[in-house]
Amino acid sequence: SVRAHDELRARPDASGPNSTTLLSGDQCPYFSVDWRRVTTTETVGDSARGTALVCLAGAAKLNGGGESMDLGAGDCVLLPAMGRFDCEPATSVEFLEARIAR
């Protein structure tokens, strides 16, 4: 079983990589969690499984399925398993991306 203090790292350093796996499928059979920093338009979500985004800092616009919505610090968005979405940051956005296990 996974306990809250096992294998979870603190928020990555701002000068480090733009993505870090905080909880992998090997550690939890139900979902995985990645910390991401996006500074240019990137895709988020997964066409095969649901995804939750929790915005930690910054702001971005999510575009997909003919819809658009703003994402800001403190917001949480559930993305359906129907496609990927474009994440367009205002300048930079940091979020947790949790995906349901396959």
Protein backbone atom coordinates (compact mmCIF):
# COMPACT_ATOMS: atom_id res chain seq x y z
CA SER A 1 0.00 0.00 0.00
CA VAL A 2 1.04 3.58 -0.57
CA ARG A 3 1.22 5.85 2.45
CA ALA A 4 1.20 9.62 2.10
CA HIS A 5 4.86 9.98 3.11
CA ASP A 6 6.24 7.08 1.02
CA GLU A 7 8.14 8.02 -2.13
CA LEU A 8 6.47 11.39 -2.60
CA ARG A 9 8.90 14.20 -3.29
CA ALA A 10 8.53 17.90 -2.61
CA ARG A 11 7.72 20.28 -5.44
CA PRO A 12 10.62 20.27 -7.93
CA ASP A 13 13.11 23.12 -8.10
CA ALA A 14 12.17 25.84 -10.61
CA SER A 15 15.52 25.40 -12.40
CA GLY A 16 15.02 21.64 -12.85
CA PRO A 17 13.15 19.61 -15.46
CA ASN A 18 9.63 20.55 -16.62
CA SER A 19 8.11 17.23 -15.59
CA THR A 20 8.58 14.92 -12.63
CA THR A 21 6.71 11.73 -11.75
CA LEU A 22 5.54 11.98 -8.15
CA LEU A 23 3.57 8.71 -8.03
CA SER A 24 3.96 6.01 -10.69
CA GLY A 25 1.81 3.06 -11.67
CA ASP A 26 4.39 0.83 -9.97
CA GLN A 27 3.67 2.58 -6.66
CA CYS A 28 -0.13 2.78 -6.97
CA PRO A 29 -2.38 0.46 -9.01
CA TYR A 30 -5.16 3.09 -9.33
CA PHE A 31 -3.54 6.22 -10.74
CA SER A 32 -0.28 8.06 -11.44
CA VAL A 33 0.62 11.70 -10.69
CA ASP A 34 3.09 13.94 -12.50
CA TRP A 35 4.13 17.51 -11.66
CA ARG A 36 4.46 19.59 -14.85
CA ARG A 37 5.63 23.08 -15.76
CA VAL A 38 4.44 24.29 -19.16
CA THR A 39 5.93 27.40 -20.78
CA THR A 40 4.80 26.85 -24.41
CA THR A 41 1.71 25.18 -25.85
CA GLU A 42 1.68 21.45 -25.01
CA THR A 43 -0.93 18.72 -25.04
CA VAL A 44 -2.43 17.35 -21.82
CA GLY A 45 -4.87 14.56 -21.11
CA ASP A 46 -5.14 11.09 -22.57
CA SER A 47 -7.53 9.66 -25.14
CA ALA A 48 -7.60 6.29 -23.32
CA ARG A 49 -8.12 7.34 -19.70
CA GLY A 50 -9.49 10.20 -17.62
CA THR A 51 -7.15 12.91 -16.34
CA ALA A 52 -7.39 15.44 -13.51
CA LEU A 53 -5.37 18.67 -13.59
CA VAL A 54 -4.75 20.67 -10.41
CA CYS A 55 -3.21 24.07 -11.13
CA LEU A 56 -0.56 25.05 -8.57
CA ALA A 57 0.74 28.33 -10.03
CA GLY A 58 0.33 30.51 -13.10
CA ALA A 59 -2.47 30.48 -15.66
CA ALA A 60 -3.31 28.80 -18.96
CA LYS A 61 -6.09 28.27 -21.46
CA LEU A 62 -7.23 24.70 -22.22
CA ASN A 63 -8.57 24.05 -25.72
CA GLY A 64 -10.14 20.85 -26.98
CA GLY A 65 -13.32 19.32 -28.33
CA GLY A 66 -14.42 22.71 -29.67
CA GLU A 67 -14.35 24.20 -26.17
CA SER A 68 -11.98 26.55 -24.35
CA MET A 69 -11.57 27.29 -20.64
CA ASP A 70 -9.21 29.24 -18.38
CA LEU A 71 -7.13 27.45 -15.75
CA GLY A 72 -5.59 29.35 -12.83
CA ALA A 73 -3.92 28.64 -9.49
CA GLY A 74 -6.23 26.59 -7.28
CA ASP A 75 -8.41 25.32 -10.16
CA CYS A 76 -9.07 21.62 -10.70
CA VAL A 77 -10.29 20.27 -14.04
CA LEU A 78 -11.41 16.76 -14.97
CA LEU A 79 -10.63 15.88 -18.59
CA PRO A 80 -12.62 13.06 -20.17
CA ALA A 81 -10.94 10.09 -21.85
CA MET A 82 -11.94 11.31 -25.30
CA GLY A 83 -8.89 13.10 -26.57
CA ARG A 84 -6.02 15.36 -25.79
CA PHE A 85 -6.26 19.06 -25.04
CA ASP A 86 -3.95 21.97 -25.86
CA CYS A 87 -2.62 23.81 -22.80
CA GLU A 88 -1.60 27.38 -23.73
CA PRO A 89 0.12 29.07 -20.75
CA ALA A 90 -0.15 32.83 -20.25
CA THR A 91 3.59 32.78 -19.42
CA SER A 92 4.15 29.67 -17.31
CA VAL A 93 1.82 27.26 -15.52
CA GLU A 94 2.54 24.51 -12.97
CA PHE A 95 0.07 21.71 -12.32
CA LEU A 96 -0.37 18.16 -11.11
CA GLU A 97 -1.60 15.76 -13.80
CA ALA A 98 -3.28 12.67 -12.33
CA ARG A 99 -4.26 9.84 -14.68
CA ILE A 100 -6.42 6.81 -13.99
CA ALA A 101 -4.45 3.55 -14.29
CA ARG A 102 -4.79 1.52 -17.46
